[in-house]
N, C-alpha and C. Protein backbone atom coordinates (compact mmCIF):
# COMPACT_ATOMS: atom_id res chain seq x y z
N MET A 1 111.83 108.96 105.17
CA MET A 1 111.96 108.69 103.74
C MET A 1 111.19 109.72 102.92
N LEU A 2 110.04 110.17 103.41
CA LEU A 2 109.21 111.09 102.66
C LEU A 2 109.51 112.56 102.98
N LYS A 3 110.16 112.81 104.08
CA LYS A 3 110.44 114.18 104.49
C LYS A 3 111.39 114.86 103.49
N ASN A 4 111.02 116.05 103.09
CA ASN A 4 111.81 116.86 102.14
C ASN A 4 111.93 116.24 100.76
N LYS A 5 111.04 115.32 100.44
CA LYS A 5 111.04 114.71 99.11
C LYS A 5 109.94 115.33 98.25
N ILE A 6 110.13 115.26 96.95
CA ILE A 6 109.09 115.68 96.01
C ILE A 6 108.24 114.45 95.72
N VAL A 7 106.99 114.50 96.13
CA VAL A 7 106.10 113.34 96.08
C VAL A 7 104.93 113.64 95.15
N ILE A 8 104.57 112.69 94.32
CA ILE A 8 103.40 112.86 93.46
C ILE A 8 102.41 111.73 93.70
N VAL A 9 101.14 112.08 93.80
CA VAL A 9 100.07 111.11 94.00
C VAL A 9 99.15 111.15 92.78
N PHE A 10 99.14 110.08 92.01
CA PHE A 10 98.23 109.97 90.89
C PHE A 10 96.90 109.42 91.40
N GLY A 11 95.81 110.09 91.04
CA GLY A 11 94.52 109.74 91.61
C GLY A 11 94.34 110.38 92.97
N GLY A 12 95.02 111.51 93.18
CA GLY A 12 95.04 112.15 94.49
C GLY A 12 93.77 112.85 94.90
N ALA A 13 92.79 112.97 94.00
CA ALA A 13 91.52 113.62 94.36
C ALA A 13 90.43 112.61 94.71
N GLY A 14 90.73 111.32 94.60
CA GLY A 14 89.75 110.29 94.94
C GLY A 14 89.59 110.15 96.44
N SER A 15 88.66 109.32 96.88
CA SER A 15 88.41 109.17 98.31
C SER A 15 89.64 108.62 99.04
N ILE A 16 90.31 107.65 98.45
CA ILE A 16 91.52 107.10 99.07
C ILE A 16 92.72 108.00 98.79
N GLY A 17 92.82 108.48 97.55
CA GLY A 17 93.95 109.34 97.18
C GLY A 17 94.00 110.61 98.01
N SER A 18 92.83 111.23 98.23
CA SER A 18 92.81 112.46 99.03
C SER A 18 93.16 112.17 100.49
N ALA A 19 92.71 111.03 101.01
CA ALA A 19 93.07 110.64 102.38
C ALA A 19 94.58 110.40 102.47
N LEU A 20 95.14 109.80 101.43
CA LEU A 20 96.59 109.58 101.39
C LEU A 20 97.33 110.91 101.40
N CYS A 21 96.85 111.87 100.62
CA CYS A 21 97.48 113.19 100.58
C CYS A 21 97.44 113.86 101.95
N ARG A 22 96.34 113.71 102.67
CA ARG A 22 96.22 114.31 104.01
C ARG A 22 97.26 113.72 104.95
N LYS A 23 97.52 112.43 104.82
CA LYS A 23 98.53 111.79 105.67
C LYS A 23 99.94 112.17 105.23
N LEU A 24 100.14 112.32 103.94
CA LEU A 24 101.47 112.64 103.42
C LEU A 24 101.96 114.01 103.89
N VAL A 25 101.05 114.98 104.01
CA VAL A 25 101.49 116.31 104.45
C VAL A 25 102.07 116.26 105.86
N GLU A 26 101.64 115.28 106.66
CA GLU A 26 102.18 115.12 108.01
C GLU A 26 103.64 114.71 107.98
N HIS A 27 104.08 114.12 106.88
CA HIS A 27 105.48 113.69 106.73
C HIS A 27 106.38 114.80 106.18
N LYS A 28 105.81 115.96 105.96
CA LYS A 28 106.54 117.16 105.55
C LYS A 28 107.36 116.96 104.27
N PRO A 29 106.69 116.61 103.17
CA PRO A 29 107.41 116.53 101.90
C PRO A 29 107.84 117.92 101.45
N LYS A 30 108.86 117.97 100.61
CA LYS A 30 109.29 119.25 100.05
C LYS A 30 108.17 119.84 99.19
N THR A 31 107.60 118.99 98.35
CA THR A 31 106.45 119.38 97.52
C THR A 31 105.54 118.17 97.38
N LEU A 32 104.25 118.40 97.50
CA LEU A 32 103.26 117.35 97.25
C LEU A 32 102.52 117.69 95.97
N LEU A 33 102.71 116.86 94.95
CA LEU A 33 102.04 117.03 93.67
C LEU A 33 100.80 116.14 93.66
N ILE A 34 99.65 116.74 93.43
CA ILE A 34 98.40 115.98 93.41
C ILE A 34 97.86 115.97 91.99
N TYR A 35 97.84 114.79 91.37
CA TYR A 35 97.48 114.66 89.95
C TYR A 35 96.15 113.93 89.82
N ASP A 36 95.22 114.53 89.08
CA ASP A 36 93.92 113.87 88.89
C ASP A 36 93.22 114.49 87.69
N ASN A 37 92.25 113.76 87.13
CA ASN A 37 91.44 114.31 86.04
C ASN A 37 90.10 114.84 86.54
N ASN A 38 89.90 114.78 87.86
CA ASN A 38 88.68 115.28 88.49
C ASN A 38 88.94 116.72 88.94
N GLU A 39 88.50 117.69 88.14
CA GLU A 39 88.79 119.09 88.41
C GLU A 39 88.26 119.55 89.78
N THR A 40 87.02 119.23 90.08
CA THR A 40 86.42 119.68 91.34
C THR A 40 87.10 119.02 92.53
N GLY A 41 87.31 117.71 92.45
CA GLY A 41 87.98 117.02 93.54
C GLY A 41 89.39 117.53 93.76
N LEU A 42 90.08 117.83 92.68
CA LEU A 42 91.44 118.36 92.75
C LEU A 42 91.45 119.74 93.42
N PHE A 43 90.52 120.57 93.02
CA PHE A 43 90.40 121.91 93.63
C PHE A 43 90.14 121.79 95.12
N ASP A 44 89.24 120.89 95.51
CA ASP A 44 88.87 120.75 96.92
C ASP A 44 90.05 120.31 97.78
N ILE A 45 90.79 119.29 97.34
CA ILE A 45 91.90 118.79 98.16
C ILE A 45 93.04 119.81 98.19
N TYR A 46 93.23 120.53 97.09
CA TYR A 46 94.25 121.59 97.08
C TYR A 46 93.90 122.69 98.08
N GLU A 47 92.66 123.14 98.07
CA GLU A 47 92.22 124.18 99.01
C GLU A 47 92.39 123.73 100.45
N GLU A 48 92.14 122.45 100.69
CA GLU A 48 92.25 121.91 102.05
C GLU A 48 93.69 121.85 102.54
N LEU A 49 94.62 121.54 101.65
CA LEU A 49 95.99 121.26 102.07
C LEU A 49 97.01 122.35 101.76
N LYS A 50 96.64 123.36 100.97
CA LYS A 50 97.62 124.31 100.45
C LYS A 50 98.36 125.10 101.53
N ASP A 51 97.79 125.22 102.71
CA ASP A 51 98.45 125.96 103.79
C ASP A 51 99.25 125.05 104.71
N LYS A 52 99.24 123.75 104.44
CA LYS A 52 99.93 122.80 105.33
C LYS A 52 101.31 122.42 104.82
N CYS A 53 101.50 122.50 103.51
CA CYS A 53 102.82 122.30 102.91
C CYS A 53 102.74 122.81 101.49
N LYS A 54 103.84 122.77 100.76
CA LYS A 54 103.81 123.20 99.36
C LYS A 54 103.07 122.15 98.54
N VAL A 55 101.95 122.54 97.98
CA VAL A 55 101.10 121.62 97.21
C VAL A 55 100.91 122.16 95.80
N GLU A 56 101.05 121.29 94.83
CA GLU A 56 100.81 121.66 93.44
C GLU A 56 99.70 120.76 92.87
N PRO A 57 98.54 121.32 92.54
CA PRO A 57 97.49 120.52 91.91
C PRO A 57 97.77 120.42 90.41
N ILE A 58 97.63 119.22 89.86
CA ILE A 58 97.91 119.00 88.44
C ILE A 58 96.71 118.31 87.82
N LEU A 59 96.09 118.98 86.87
CA LEU A 59 94.93 118.43 86.18
C LEU A 59 95.40 117.75 84.89
N GLY A 60 95.11 116.47 84.76
CA GLY A 60 95.55 115.76 83.57
C GLY A 60 95.10 114.32 83.58
N SER A 61 95.45 113.62 82.50
CA SER A 61 95.09 112.21 82.36
C SER A 61 96.35 111.37 82.22
N ILE A 62 96.37 110.24 82.91
CA ILE A 62 97.54 109.36 82.81
C ILE A 62 97.62 108.68 81.45
N ARG A 63 96.59 108.85 80.64
CA ARG A 63 96.64 108.33 79.26
C ARG A 63 97.48 109.24 78.36
N ASP A 64 97.70 110.47 78.81
CA ASP A 64 98.39 111.48 78.01
C ASP A 64 99.88 111.44 78.29
N GLU A 65 100.62 110.71 77.48
CA GLU A 65 102.05 110.52 77.69
C GLU A 65 102.81 111.84 77.62
N LYS A 66 102.42 112.72 76.70
CA LYS A 66 103.10 114.01 76.55
C LYS A 66 102.93 114.85 77.80
N ASN A 67 101.72 114.87 78.34
CA ASN A 67 101.46 115.61 79.57
C ASN A 67 102.30 115.08 80.72
N LEU A 68 102.37 113.77 80.84
CA LEU A 68 103.16 113.17 81.91
C LEU A 68 104.64 113.51 81.77
N ASP A 69 105.14 113.48 80.54
CA ASP A 69 106.54 113.82 80.30
C ASP A 69 106.84 115.25 80.76
N GLU A 70 105.93 116.15 80.44
CA GLU A 70 106.11 117.55 80.84
C GLU A 70 106.10 117.70 82.36
N ILE A 71 105.21 116.98 83.02
CA ILE A 71 105.10 117.06 84.48
C ILE A 71 106.34 116.50 85.15
N PHE A 72 106.79 115.32 84.72
CA PHE A 72 107.97 114.71 85.32
C PHE A 72 109.21 115.56 85.06
N ASN A 73 109.31 116.12 83.88
CA ASN A 73 110.46 116.96 83.53
C ASN A 73 110.48 118.25 84.35
N LYS A 74 109.31 118.82 84.58
CA LYS A 74 109.21 120.08 85.31
C LYS A 74 109.44 119.91 86.81
N TYR A 75 108.80 118.91 87.42
CA TYR A 75 108.81 118.79 88.87
C TYR A 75 109.81 117.77 89.42
N ARG A 76 110.25 116.83 88.61
CA ARG A 76 111.21 115.78 89.01
C ARG A 76 110.82 115.09 90.32
N PRO A 77 109.66 114.45 90.37
CA PRO A 77 109.24 113.75 91.59
C PRO A 77 110.21 112.62 91.94
N GLU A 78 110.38 112.42 93.24
CA GLU A 78 111.26 111.36 93.73
C GLU A 78 110.49 110.12 94.17
N ILE A 79 109.27 110.34 94.64
CA ILE A 79 108.42 109.25 95.11
C ILE A 79 107.09 109.34 94.36
N VAL A 80 106.66 108.22 93.77
CA VAL A 80 105.40 108.16 93.03
C VAL A 80 104.43 107.21 93.73
N PHE A 81 103.23 107.70 93.98
CA PHE A 81 102.13 106.86 94.44
C PHE A 81 101.12 106.80 93.30
N HIS A 82 100.92 105.61 92.75
CA HIS A 82 100.03 105.47 91.59
C HIS A 82 98.72 104.80 92.00
N GLY A 83 97.70 105.63 92.19
CA GLY A 83 96.40 105.11 92.56
C GLY A 83 95.31 105.49 91.58
N ALA A 84 95.71 106.01 90.43
CA ALA A 84 94.73 106.42 89.41
C ALA A 84 94.26 105.19 88.64
N ALA A 85 92.96 104.96 88.64
CA ALA A 85 92.44 103.76 87.96
C ALA A 85 90.92 103.82 87.86
N TYR A 86 90.40 103.06 86.92
CA TYR A 86 88.97 102.75 86.93
C TYR A 86 88.83 101.50 87.80
N LYS A 87 88.01 101.59 88.83
CA LYS A 87 88.00 100.53 89.84
C LYS A 87 86.65 99.85 90.01
N HIS A 88 85.59 100.42 89.44
CA HIS A 88 84.27 99.82 89.65
C HIS A 88 84.08 98.63 88.70
N VAL A 89 83.86 97.47 89.27
CA VAL A 89 83.79 96.24 88.50
C VAL A 89 82.73 96.32 87.41
N VAL A 90 81.55 96.79 87.75
CA VAL A 90 80.45 96.84 86.79
C VAL A 90 80.80 97.75 85.61
N MET A 91 81.36 98.93 85.91
CA MET A 91 81.70 99.87 84.84
C MET A 91 82.83 99.34 83.96
N CYS A 92 83.78 98.67 84.57
CA CYS A 92 84.88 98.09 83.80
C CYS A 92 84.38 96.96 82.89
N GLU A 93 83.40 96.20 83.36
CA GLU A 93 82.83 95.15 82.52
C GLU A 93 82.05 95.76 81.35
N LYS A 94 81.39 96.88 81.60
CA LYS A 94 80.58 97.53 80.57
C LYS A 94 81.45 98.26 79.55
N TRP A 95 82.56 98.83 80.02
CA TRP A 95 83.45 99.61 79.16
C TRP A 95 84.88 99.09 79.29
N PRO A 96 85.14 97.87 78.86
CA PRO A 96 86.45 97.25 79.08
C PRO A 96 87.62 97.99 78.44
N MET A 97 87.42 98.55 77.25
CA MET A 97 88.53 99.25 76.59
C MET A 97 88.93 100.50 77.36
N GLU A 98 87.97 101.15 77.98
CA GLU A 98 88.31 102.32 78.80
C GLU A 98 89.14 101.88 80.01
N ALA A 99 88.78 100.75 80.60
CA ALA A 99 89.55 100.22 81.73
C ALA A 99 90.96 99.86 81.29
N TYR A 100 91.10 99.24 80.13
CA TYR A 100 92.41 98.87 79.63
C TYR A 100 93.26 100.10 79.36
N LYS A 101 92.65 101.13 78.75
CA LYS A 101 93.41 102.33 78.40
C LYS A 101 93.93 103.07 79.64
N THR A 102 93.13 103.09 80.69
CA THR A 102 93.56 103.78 81.91
C THR A 102 94.41 102.88 82.80
N ASN A 103 93.90 101.70 83.13
CA ASN A 103 94.57 100.86 84.12
C ASN A 103 95.85 100.20 83.62
N ILE A 104 95.92 99.94 82.32
CA ILE A 104 97.12 99.30 81.78
C ILE A 104 98.02 100.32 81.07
N PHE A 105 97.48 100.96 80.03
CA PHE A 105 98.32 101.89 79.26
C PHE A 105 98.72 103.10 80.10
N GLY A 106 97.82 103.54 80.97
CA GLY A 106 98.17 104.64 81.87
C GLY A 106 99.29 104.26 82.81
N THR A 107 99.26 103.03 83.31
CA THR A 107 100.33 102.54 84.19
C THR A 107 101.65 102.44 83.43
N ILE A 108 101.60 101.98 82.19
CA ILE A 108 102.81 101.93 81.37
C ILE A 108 103.39 103.34 81.22
N ASN A 109 102.53 104.30 80.94
CA ASN A 109 103.00 105.68 80.77
C ASN A 109 103.70 106.21 82.01
N ILE A 110 103.09 106.01 83.18
CA ILE A 110 103.68 106.53 84.41
C ILE A 110 104.98 105.79 84.74
N SER A 111 104.99 104.47 84.57
CA SER A 111 106.20 103.70 84.88
C SER A 111 107.35 104.08 83.95
N ASP A 112 107.03 104.32 82.68
CA ASP A 112 108.07 104.75 81.74
C ASP A 112 108.67 106.09 82.16
N MET A 113 107.82 107.03 82.56
CA MET A 113 108.30 108.34 82.99
C MET A 113 109.12 108.24 84.28
N ALA A 114 108.67 107.37 85.19
CA ALA A 114 109.39 107.19 86.45
C ALA A 114 110.82 106.71 86.20
N GLN A 115 110.97 105.78 85.27
CA GLN A 115 112.30 105.28 84.94
C GLN A 115 113.11 106.33 84.18
N LYS A 116 112.47 107.02 83.27
CA LYS A 116 113.15 108.03 82.45
C LYS A 116 113.72 109.15 83.32
N TYR A 117 112.97 109.54 84.35
CA TYR A 117 113.39 110.68 85.17
C TYR A 117 113.94 110.29 86.54
N GLY A 118 114.31 109.04 86.69
CA GLY A 118 115.05 108.61 87.87
C GLY A 118 114.30 108.67 89.19
N VAL A 119 113.01 108.34 89.16
CA VAL A 119 112.24 108.26 90.41
C VAL A 119 112.84 107.19 91.32
N LYS A 120 112.90 107.50 92.62
CA LYS A 120 113.50 106.55 93.57
C LYS A 120 112.56 105.38 93.86
N LYS A 121 111.29 105.70 94.18
CA LYS A 121 110.33 104.65 94.53
C LYS A 121 109.00 104.90 93.83
N PHE A 122 108.40 103.80 93.41
CA PHE A 122 107.12 103.84 92.70
C PHE A 122 106.20 102.85 93.41
N ILE A 123 105.15 103.34 94.04
CA ILE A 123 104.22 102.48 94.77
C ILE A 123 102.93 102.36 93.96
N PHE A 124 102.66 101.15 93.52
CA PHE A 124 101.47 100.88 92.71
C PHE A 124 100.38 100.29 93.58
N ILE A 125 99.22 100.94 93.58
CA ILE A 125 98.09 100.47 94.39
C ILE A 125 97.24 99.53 93.56
N SER A 126 97.22 98.27 93.95
CA SER A 126 96.46 97.25 93.24
C SER A 126 95.28 96.80 94.08
N SER A 127 94.72 95.67 93.73
CA SER A 127 93.47 95.21 94.34
C SER A 127 93.53 93.72 94.61
N ASP A 128 92.76 93.28 95.61
CA ASP A 128 92.66 91.84 95.86
C ASP A 128 91.98 91.13 94.69
N LYS A 129 91.31 91.88 93.83
CA LYS A 129 90.67 91.28 92.66
C LYS A 129 91.71 90.84 91.61
N ALA A 130 92.97 91.23 91.82
CA ALA A 130 94.03 90.83 90.90
C ALA A 130 94.67 89.49 91.30
N THR A 131 94.27 88.96 92.42
CA THR A 131 94.91 87.74 92.92
C THR A 131 94.56 86.52 92.06
N GLY A 132 95.47 85.57 92.03
CA GLY A 132 95.24 84.33 91.29
C GLY A 132 95.04 84.56 89.81
N LYS A 133 93.97 83.98 89.27
CA LYS A 133 93.60 84.19 87.87
C LYS A 133 92.32 85.03 87.84
N PRO A 134 92.47 86.34 87.79
CA PRO A 134 91.28 87.21 87.87
C PRO A 134 90.31 86.98 86.73
N LYS A 135 89.03 87.09 87.06
CA LYS A 135 87.98 86.88 86.06
C LYS A 135 87.37 88.19 85.58
N SER A 136 87.41 89.22 86.42
CA SER A 136 86.81 90.49 86.04
C SER A 136 87.80 91.33 85.24
N VAL A 137 87.27 92.24 84.44
CA VAL A 137 88.12 93.16 83.68
C VAL A 137 88.96 94.00 84.63
N MET A 138 88.33 94.48 85.70
CA MET A 138 89.07 95.29 86.66
C MET A 138 90.24 94.50 87.24
N GLY A 139 89.97 93.26 87.66
CA GLY A 139 91.02 92.42 88.23
C GLY A 139 92.13 92.12 87.23
N LYS A 140 91.73 91.86 85.98
CA LYS A 140 92.73 91.56 84.94
C LYS A 140 93.62 92.76 84.67
N THR A 141 93.03 93.95 84.63
CA THR A 141 93.83 95.14 84.34
C THR A 141 94.77 95.47 85.50
N LYS A 142 94.30 95.24 86.72
CA LYS A 142 95.17 95.47 87.87
C LYS A 142 96.30 94.43 87.92
N LYS A 143 95.98 93.21 87.58
CA LYS A 143 97.01 92.16 87.52
C LYS A 143 98.09 92.54 86.51
N LYS A 144 97.65 93.02 85.35
CA LYS A 144 98.61 93.45 84.32
C LYS A 144 99.44 94.63 84.82
N GLY A 145 98.81 95.53 85.56
CA GLY A 145 99.55 96.65 86.14
C GLY A 145 100.63 96.17 87.09
N GLU A 146 100.31 95.16 87.89
CA GLU A 146 101.31 94.58 88.79
C GLU A 146 102.48 94.01 88.00
N GLU A 147 102.17 93.29 86.94
CA GLU A 147 103.21 92.67 86.12
C GLU A 147 104.11 93.72 85.48
N ILE A 148 103.51 94.82 85.04
CA ILE A 148 104.28 95.92 84.45
C ILE A 148 105.28 96.46 85.47
N CYS A 149 104.81 96.66 86.69
CA CYS A 149 105.68 97.21 87.74
C CYS A 149 106.77 96.24 88.16
N ILE A 150 106.42 94.97 88.30
CA ILE A 150 107.40 93.97 88.70
C ILE A 150 108.50 93.85 87.64
N LYS A 151 108.10 93.87 86.39
CA LYS A 151 109.07 93.78 85.29
C LYS A 151 109.97 95.00 85.24
N ALA A 152 109.44 96.16 85.60
CA ALA A 152 110.20 97.42 85.51
C ALA A 152 111.13 97.63 86.69
N ASN A 153 110.99 96.82 87.73
CA ASN A 153 111.77 97.03 88.95
C ASN A 153 113.26 97.00 88.65
N GLY A 154 113.96 98.01 89.14
CA GLY A 154 115.40 98.10 88.88
C GLY A 154 115.96 99.30 89.61
N LYS A 155 116.55 100.23 88.86
CA LYS A 155 117.09 101.44 89.48
C LYS A 155 115.98 102.18 90.21
N THR A 156 114.81 102.25 89.60
CA THR A 156 113.62 102.73 90.30
C THR A 156 113.00 101.53 91.00
N LYS A 157 112.80 101.65 92.30
CA LYS A 157 112.23 100.55 93.07
C LYS A 157 110.72 100.57 92.95
N PHE A 158 110.16 99.53 92.36
CA PHE A 158 108.71 99.42 92.19
C PHE A 158 108.14 98.53 93.30
N ILE A 159 107.10 99.00 93.94
CA ILE A 159 106.46 98.30 95.05
C ILE A 159 104.97 98.18 94.76
N VAL A 160 104.42 96.99 94.95
CA VAL A 160 103.01 96.76 94.70
C VAL A 160 102.30 96.46 96.03
N VAL A 161 101.20 97.15 96.29
CA VAL A 161 100.36 96.84 97.45
C VAL A 161 98.95 96.53 96.95
N ARG A 162 98.29 95.64 97.62
CA ARG A 162 96.93 95.28 97.25
C ARG A 162 95.95 95.71 98.33
N PHE A 163 94.88 96.36 97.91
CA PHE A 163 93.82 96.73 98.82
C PHE A 163 92.71 95.67 98.77
N GLY A 164 92.05 95.49 99.89
CA GLY A 164 90.81 94.74 99.91
C GLY A 164 89.69 95.74 99.65
N ASN A 165 88.51 95.50 100.20
CA ASN A 165 87.42 96.46 100.08
C ASN A 165 87.64 97.55 101.12
N VAL A 166 87.91 98.76 100.65
CA VAL A 166 88.22 99.86 101.57
C VAL A 166 86.92 100.50 102.03
N MET A 167 86.62 100.33 103.30
CA MET A 167 85.37 100.81 103.87
C MET A 167 85.27 102.32 103.76
N ALA A 168 84.10 102.80 103.33
CA ALA A 168 83.78 104.22 103.22
C ALA A 168 84.46 104.89 102.04
N SER A 169 85.17 104.13 101.21
CA SER A 169 85.70 104.72 99.99
C SER A 169 84.57 104.85 98.98
N ARG A 170 84.75 105.70 97.99
CA ARG A 170 83.72 105.96 97.00
C ARG A 170 83.40 104.67 96.23
N GLY A 171 82.13 104.26 96.25
CA GLY A 171 81.73 103.06 95.54
C GLY A 171 81.91 101.78 96.33
N SER A 172 82.32 101.90 97.60
CA SER A 172 82.50 100.72 98.44
C SER A 172 81.18 99.96 98.59
N VAL A 173 81.29 98.66 98.78
CA VAL A 173 80.09 97.84 98.98
C VAL A 173 79.30 98.31 100.19
N LEU A 174 79.99 98.90 101.16
CA LEU A 174 79.28 99.38 102.34
C LEU A 174 78.32 100.52 101.99
N GLU A 175 78.70 101.34 101.01
CA GLU A 175 77.80 102.40 100.55
C GLU A 175 76.53 101.80 99.96
N ILE A 176 76.70 100.73 99.18
CA ILE A 176 75.55 100.06 98.57
C ILE A 176 74.66 99.45 99.65
N TRP A 177 75.28 98.77 100.60
CA TRP A 177 74.52 98.15 101.67
C TRP A 177 73.79 99.22 102.51
N GLN A 178 74.45 100.36 102.75
CA GLN A 178 73.83 101.42 103.54
C GLN A 178 72.59 101.96 102.85
N ARG A 179 72.68 102.15 101.53
CA ARG A 179 71.52 102.63 100.77
C ARG A 179 70.38 101.62 100.83
N GLN A 180 70.72 100.34 100.69
CA GLN A 180 69.69 99.30 100.75
C GLN A 180 69.06 99.24 102.15
N PHE A 181 69.89 99.36 103.17
CA PHE A 181 69.40 99.33 104.55
C PHE A 181 68.46 100.51 104.81
N ASN A 182 68.85 101.70 104.33
CA ASN A 182 68.04 102.90 104.55
C ASN A 182 66.68 102.79 103.88
N LYS A 183 66.61 102.02 102.78
CA LYS A 183 65.35 101.85 102.07
C LYS A 183 64.56 100.64 102.58
N GLY A 184 65.13 99.94 103.57
CA GLY A 184 64.45 98.77 104.09
C GLY A 184 64.54 97.57 103.17
N GLU A 185 65.52 97.57 102.28
CA GLU A 185 65.70 96.49 101.32
C GLU A 185 66.65 95.43 101.87
N SER A 186 66.60 94.25 101.27
CA SER A 186 67.55 93.20 101.62
C SER A 186 68.94 93.59 101.11
N LEU A 187 69.97 93.20 101.87
CA LEU A 187 71.34 93.46 101.44
C LEU A 187 71.74 92.41 100.42
N THR A 188 72.20 92.87 99.26
CA THR A 188 72.55 91.94 98.19
C THR A 188 74.02 91.54 98.27
N ILE A 189 74.27 90.28 97.96
CA ILE A 189 75.64 89.77 97.89
C ILE A 189 75.80 89.01 96.58
N THR A 190 77.04 88.85 96.16
CA THR A 190 77.30 88.18 94.89
C THR A 190 77.03 86.69 94.99
N ASP A 191 77.48 86.10 96.09
CA ASP A 191 77.34 84.65 96.28
C ASP A 191 77.43 84.34 97.76
N PRO A 192 76.63 83.41 98.28
CA PRO A 192 76.68 83.08 99.71
C PRO A 192 78.05 82.59 100.18
N GLU A 193 78.84 82.05 99.26
CA GLU A 193 80.15 81.50 99.63
C GLU A 193 81.29 82.49 99.46
N MET A 194 80.98 83.70 98.99
CA MET A 194 82.05 84.66 98.72
C MET A 194 82.64 85.21 100.02
N GLU A 195 83.85 85.73 99.93
CA GLU A 195 84.50 86.39 101.05
C GLU A 195 84.87 87.80 100.63
N ARG A 196 84.75 88.75 101.56
CA ARG A 196 85.21 90.11 101.31
C ARG A 196 86.26 90.46 102.35
N TYR A 197 87.31 91.09 101.89
CA TYR A 197 88.39 91.49 102.79
C TYR A 197 88.30 93.00 103.00
N MET A 198 88.04 93.40 104.23
CA MET A 198 87.75 94.79 104.54
C MET A 198 88.95 95.48 105.19
N MET A 199 89.12 96.75 104.86
CA MET A 199 90.11 97.58 105.53
C MET A 199 89.57 99.01 105.56
N THR A 200 89.99 99.77 106.55
CA THR A 200 89.54 101.15 106.64
C THR A 200 90.44 102.03 105.77
N ILE A 201 89.98 103.25 105.50
CA ILE A 201 90.81 104.18 104.73
C ILE A 201 92.12 104.48 105.45
N PRO A 202 92.12 104.73 106.77
CA PRO A 202 93.41 104.94 107.46
C PRO A 202 94.34 103.73 107.35
N GLU A 203 93.79 102.52 107.41
CA GLU A 203 94.62 101.32 107.25
C GLU A 203 95.20 101.25 105.84
N ALA A 204 94.41 101.61 104.85
CA ALA A 204 94.88 101.60 103.47
C ALA A 204 96.01 102.62 103.29
N CYS A 205 95.84 103.80 103.84
CA CYS A 205 96.87 104.84 103.73
C CYS A 205 98.15 104.42 104.44
N LYS A 206 98.01 103.82 105.62
CA LYS A 206 99.19 103.37 106.37
C LYS A 206 99.94 102.31 105.58
N LEU A 207 99.22 101.39 104.96
CA LEU A 207 99.86 100.34 104.16
C LEU A 207 100.71 100.94 103.05
N VAL A 208 100.16 101.94 102.36
CA VAL A 208 100.86 102.56 101.25
C VAL A 208 102.08 103.34 101.72
N ILE A 209 101.93 104.10 102.79
CA ILE A 209 103.05 104.89 103.30
C ILE A 209 104.13 104.00 103.88
N ASP A 210 103.74 102.95 104.58
CA ASP A 210 104.73 101.99 105.11
C ASP A 210 105.53 101.38 103.97
N ALA A 211 104.86 101.08 102.86
CA ALA A 211 105.56 100.50 101.71
C ALA A 211 106.59 101.47 101.15
N ALA A 212 106.24 102.76 101.16
CA ALA A 212 107.16 103.77 100.64
C ALA A 212 108.36 103.96 101.54
N GLU A 213 108.16 103.76 102.83
CA GLU A 213 109.24 104.01 103.77
C GLU A 213 110.08 102.78 104.08
N ASP A 214 109.68 101.63 103.55
CA ASP A 214 110.38 100.38 103.82
C ASP A 214 111.78 100.41 103.21
């Protein structure tokens, strides 16, 4: 399904997005477009992958509808992986409007472009924090992103996958626990009755790629 296709990964310079890009090159896409607002991260993943397949690094923001229109019009991606988001619960609570502008309005922008330019499949990466009636800003924005994609499903096939806590990803709880352990501190948890659902980065990437190939 991915072989010889033009594929774009939004959030492709992040810890999970870059791992996804590394796996995608193994599927031999015609072109792999890596879109991110992190200049250094984008440069690094491009340098790593540029000799493995045709890779185009794209620096931009999913909040910028005009930029997205230009990109979709120029490259005509067939498969979209949307993993660009503000994901840290604490930061989203502190700056809720920023989370809304990126996680909701950014998703609307990408989904609109996907439909406008006839994308075949759109895979939206969501979170277990969106389940049920989410209480956090991050969970609420991801839930809204899911609803946007489900409503848009039609000629462009929209697919939603939910991640649990991805081990070793940037900002993962395991990073926090490791720092506390190294300092000889107690490991902090939100509540003794809470549950965390863990998955590795390779498992997360496989879930997303399997969804695209289904």
